[in-house]
Amino acid sequence: MKIKYLGHASFVLELGDGRTIIFDPYESGAYNGALAYSPITGSFDVAVVSHEHADHRDTDVISRSKNVVEDTGEFEFDGIRIKSFSVFHDESEGRERGRNRISIVEADGLRVAHLGDLGHRLSDTEAANLKGVDVAFVPVGGHFTIGAEAARDVVTGIDPRIVIPMHFKTPKVDFPIKGVEDFVSLMDDVERIAGSEFVVNAKSLPEKTKVVVLDPAN
């Protein structure tokens, strides 16, 4: 499986058979230009959306996707299994920013979790749903999502093999969020990839949790 980080909270999984899954496709130029990543091009076999905010759901990309998951439940598309469940976008049970969906994709012999705009530490029940996933995309920038310390606690609770941070400050994000360094400084095993792509399979997974930092492609 090839993982490509487009930017913000958007990733593309390219499976061994060539099919593609996109998570949280952002709307380029959203919020009066505050999100300045380039437009997302191409079409996708599956789009998975955590919530309806413009930095996580682009209508044009959705229209170019064969299948779309933007609800809770269990779904299957020709052997690609997806389970989505509801959490909150804030620490006030959704009263500030509403709900958020966490999704777990099972494909190519891997379990890949996208935590969307998770805004709180997970309950024991919520963490149990994610326990032992192979790859987890975790927001770390704070303000609109969990920050560095809460992200560390979430990672400890679900014990993934690989963590890829997302939703952090870059020169193309004019949001009041922090960069990736605060989170990275709290973690023991960190690898920085010189680029936006990372290839993983069941045999290459590390024995203990490893943080992989990718550069946005767009």
Protein backbone atom coordinates (compact mmCIF):
# COMPACT_ATOMS: atom_id res chain seq x y z
CA MET A 1 0.00 0.00 0.00
CA LYS A 2 1.26 3.45 -0.91
CA ILE A 3 0.24 6.33 1.33
CA LYS A 4 0.37 9.86 -0.06
CA TYR A 5 -0.15 12.93 2.10
CA LEU A 6 -1.85 15.64 0.05
CA GLY A 7 -2.02 18.15 2.88
CA HIS A 8 -4.01 19.14 5.98
CA ALA A 9 -6.04 15.97 6.74
CA SER A 10 -6.16 14.55 3.22
CA PHE A 11 -4.43 11.30 2.31
CA VAL A 12 -4.66 8.91 -0.62
CA LEU A 13 -4.17 5.17 -0.23
CA GLU A 14 -3.12 3.38 -3.40
CA LEU A 15 -3.76 -0.33 -3.10
CA GLY A 16 -1.77 -3.11 -4.72
CA ASP A 17 -4.43 -3.53 -7.41
CA GLY A 18 -4.31 0.17 -8.30
CA ARG A 19 -7.52 1.25 -6.60
CA THR A 20 -7.42 4.49 -4.63
CA ILE A 21 -9.05 5.67 -1.41
CA ILE A 22 -9.02 9.35 -0.45
CA PHE A 23 -9.60 10.63 3.07
CA ASP A 24 -11.00 14.10 3.84
CA PRO A 25 -10.43 15.89 0.51
CA TYR A 26 -10.10 19.59 1.32
CA GLU A 27 -11.54 22.47 -0.69
CA SER A 28 -8.58 24.44 -2.03
CA GLY A 29 -8.84 28.09 -1.01
CA ALA A 30 -11.43 27.39 1.68
CA TYR A 31 -12.11 29.94 4.39
CA ASN A 32 -11.21 32.95 2.25
CA GLY A 33 -7.91 31.46 1.19
CA ALA A 34 -6.78 30.35 4.64
CA LEU A 35 -6.31 26.83 3.27
CA ALA A 36 -3.92 27.36 0.36
CA TYR A 37 -3.07 23.81 -0.65
CA SER A 38 -3.42 23.20 -4.40
CA PRO A 39 -6.63 21.68 -5.79
CA ILE A 40 -6.89 17.91 -5.61
CA THR A 41 -6.90 16.34 -9.05
CA GLY A 42 -7.87 12.91 -10.37
CA SER A 43 -10.65 10.46 -9.56
CA PHE A 44 -10.91 7.92 -6.75
CA ASP A 45 -12.53 4.58 -6.10
CA VAL A 46 -13.58 5.50 -2.57
CA ALA A 47 -13.80 8.80 -0.69
CA VAL A 48 -14.06 8.77 3.11
CA VAL A 49 -15.20 11.97 4.83
CA SER A 50 -14.97 12.64 8.56
CA HIS A 51 -17.30 15.65 8.62
CA GLU A 52 -18.72 18.37 6.41
CA HIS A 53 -16.39 21.32 7.01
CA ALA A 54 -14.80 22.70 3.84
CA ASP A 55 -11.26 21.81 4.86
CA HIS A 56 -12.33 18.15 4.96
CA ARG A 57 -14.97 17.82 2.25
CA ASP A 58 -14.65 19.12 -1.30
CA THR A 59 -17.80 18.64 -3.35
CA ASP A 60 -15.85 18.44 -6.61
CA VAL A 61 -13.62 15.62 -5.37
CA ILE A 62 -16.65 13.79 -3.99
CA SER A 63 -18.26 13.99 -7.44
CA ARG A 64 -15.17 12.32 -8.92
CA SER A 65 -15.28 9.42 -6.47
CA LYS A 66 -16.99 6.15 -7.37
CA ASN A 67 -18.06 5.38 -3.81
CA VAL A 68 -18.43 7.75 -0.86
CA VAL A 69 -18.53 7.06 2.88
CA GLU A 70 -19.82 10.00 4.90
CA ASP A 71 -21.92 8.31 7.53
CA THR A 72 -21.40 5.94 10.44
CA GLY A 73 -21.68 2.19 9.88
CA GLU A 74 -19.92 -0.63 8.09
CA PHE A 75 -19.34 -0.61 4.34
CA GLU A 76 -17.68 -2.85 1.76
CA PHE A 77 -16.59 -2.12 -1.79
CA ASP A 78 -15.17 -5.14 -3.62
CA GLY A 79 -13.11 -6.32 -0.64
CA ILE A 80 -12.37 -2.88 0.82
CA ARG A 81 -13.97 -2.83 4.27
CA ILE A 82 -14.68 0.41 6.10
CA LYS A 83 -16.06 0.98 9.57
CA SER A 84 -16.95 4.51 10.67
CA PHE A 85 -18.09 5.59 14.12
CA SER A 86 -19.01 8.90 15.68
CA VAL A 87 -16.97 10.98 18.12
CA PHE A 88 -16.87 14.74 18.73
CA HIS A 89 -15.12 17.70 17.14
CA ASP A 90 -14.57 19.33 20.54
CA GLU A 91 -14.39 18.64 24.27
CA SER A 92 -18.02 19.74 24.81
CA GLU A 93 -19.71 16.73 23.22
CA GLY A 94 -20.20 18.57 19.95
CA ARG A 95 -21.74 21.75 21.29
CA GLU A 96 -18.96 23.87 19.77
CA ARG A 97 -18.17 22.19 16.45
CA GLY A 98 -20.46 19.20 16.09
CA ARG A 99 -19.61 15.58 15.47
CA ASN A 100 -16.68 13.90 13.77
CA ARG A 101 -16.31 10.40 12.33
CA ILE A 102 -13.36 8.09 12.80
CA SER A 103 -12.98 5.58 9.97
CA ILE A 104 -11.01 2.35 9.76
CA VAL A 105 -10.19 0.97 6.32
CA GLU A 106 -9.23 -2.67 5.92
CA ALA A 107 -7.43 -3.34 2.64
CA ASP A 108 -4.21 -4.97 1.40
CA GLY A 109 -3.96 -6.85 4.68
CA LEU A 110 -3.73 -3.63 6.72
CA ARG A 111 -6.03 -1.67 9.04
CA VAL A 112 -5.71 2.07 8.49
CA ALA A 113 -7.51 4.54 10.75
CA HIS A 114 -8.26 8.21 10.00
CA LEU A 115 -9.24 10.15 13.12
CA GLY A 116 -10.62 13.20 11.30
CA ASP A 117 -10.99 16.31 13.44
CA LEU A 118 -11.00 14.45 16.74
CA GLY A 119 -11.46 17.06 19.46
CA HIS A 120 -11.10 15.05 22.66
CA ARG A 121 -9.30 12.15 24.28
CA LEU A 122 -10.92 8.82 23.52
CA SER A 123 -13.04 6.89 25.97
CA ASP A 124 -12.04 3.31 26.71
CA THR A 125 -14.79 2.06 24.40
CA GLU A 126 -13.75 4.36 21.56
CA ALA A 127 -10.10 3.41 21.96
CA ALA A 128 -11.01 -0.28 21.93
CA ASN A 129 -12.43 0.13 18.41
CA LEU A 130 -9.00 1.32 17.26
CA LYS A 131 -6.77 -0.89 19.37
CA GLY A 132 -3.86 -2.26 17.40
CA VAL A 133 -4.56 -0.60 14.04
CA ASP A 134 -1.57 -0.76 11.71
CA VAL A 135 -1.57 2.88 10.59
CA ALA A 136 -3.27 5.86 12.24
CA PHE A 137 -3.62 9.36 10.82
CA VAL A 138 -3.83 11.59 13.91
CA PRO A 139 -4.53 15.35 14.16
CA VAL A 140 -1.93 17.13 16.30
CA GLY A 141 -2.29 20.90 15.73
CA GLY A 142 -4.72 21.76 18.49
CA HIS A 143 -7.36 24.52 18.68
CA PHE A 144 -9.85 22.80 16.32
CA THR A 145 -8.64 19.30 17.23
CA ILE A 146 -6.61 17.58 19.91
CA GLY A 147 -3.16 19.03 20.40
CA ALA A 148 0.21 17.41 20.95
CA GLU A 149 -0.26 16.03 24.45
CA ALA A 150 -3.76 14.68 23.83
CA ALA A 151 -2.57 13.17 20.54
CA ARG A 152 0.21 11.41 22.41
CA ASP A 153 -2.33 10.03 24.88
CA VAL A 154 -4.61 8.84 22.08
CA VAL A 155 -1.69 7.10 20.38
CA THR A 156 -0.71 5.42 23.64
CA GLY A 157 -4.27 4.20 24.10
CA ILE A 158 -4.69 2.65 20.66
CA ASP A 159 -1.12 1.41 20.17
CA PRO A 160 -0.82 1.62 16.37
CA ARG A 161 2.29 0.41 14.59
CA ILE A 162 2.65 3.60 12.53
CA VAL A 163 1.37 7.10 13.33
CA ILE A 164 1.25 9.77 10.65
CA PRO A 165 0.47 13.25 12.06
CA MET A 166 -1.90 15.58 10.22
CA HIS A 167 -3.88 18.80 10.63
CA PHE A 168 -0.92 20.92 11.67
CA LYS A 169 0.37 24.37 10.77
CA THR A 170 2.32 24.81 7.52
CA PRO A 171 2.96 27.86 5.30
CA LYS A 172 -0.23 26.92 3.41
CA VAL A 173 -2.49 26.80 6.46
CA ASP A 174 -3.46 30.15 7.95
CA PHE A 175 -5.34 28.64 10.90
CA PRO A 176 -4.53 29.23 14.61
CA ILE A 177 -3.03 25.77 15.00
CA LYS A 178 0.46 24.57 15.88
CA GLY A 179 3.07 22.83 13.77
CA VAL A 180 4.03 19.19 13.98
CA GLU A 181 7.09 19.72 16.21
CA ASP A 182 5.23 19.86 19.53
CA PHE A 183 3.86 16.39 18.91
CA VAL A 184 7.09 14.98 17.52
CA SER A 185 8.99 16.16 20.60
CA LEU A 186 6.80 13.94 22.79
CA MET A 187 7.36 10.75 20.81
CA ASP A 188 10.28 8.32 21.04
CA ASP A 189 10.63 6.82 17.57
CA VAL A 190 10.27 9.35 14.74
CA GLU A 191 11.17 9.07 11.07
CA ARG A 192 10.98 12.07 8.76
CA ILE A 193 10.36 11.17 5.14
CA ALA A 194 11.80 13.52 2.53
CA GLY A 195 8.59 13.65 0.55
CA SER A 196 4.87 12.99 0.70
CA GLU A 197 4.75 9.22 0.05
CA PHE A 198 5.33 6.18 2.20
CA VAL A 199 4.98 2.52 1.25
CA VAL A 200 3.90 -0.02 3.86
CA ASN A 201 2.86 -3.65 4.00
CA ALA A 202 2.16 -6.14 6.75
CA LYS A 203 5.74 -7.44 6.74
CA SER A 204 7.33 -3.99 7.00
CA LEU A 205 5.41 -2.86 10.09
CA PRO A 206 7.59 -1.98 13.09
CA GLU A 207 7.18 -3.93 16.32
CA LYS A 208 6.56 -0.78 18.37
CA THR A 209 4.80 2.47 17.55
CA LYS A 210 6.70 4.65 15.10
CA VAL A 211 5.87 8.18 14.01
CA VAL A 212 6.32 8.89 10.30
CA VAL A 213 6.26 12.59 9.34
CA LEU A 214 5.35 13.29 5.71
CA ASP A 215 5.56 16.56 3.79
CA PRO A 216 2.35 17.72 2.12
CA ALA A 217 2.36 17.07 -1.63
CA ASN A 218 0.11 19.97 -2.56
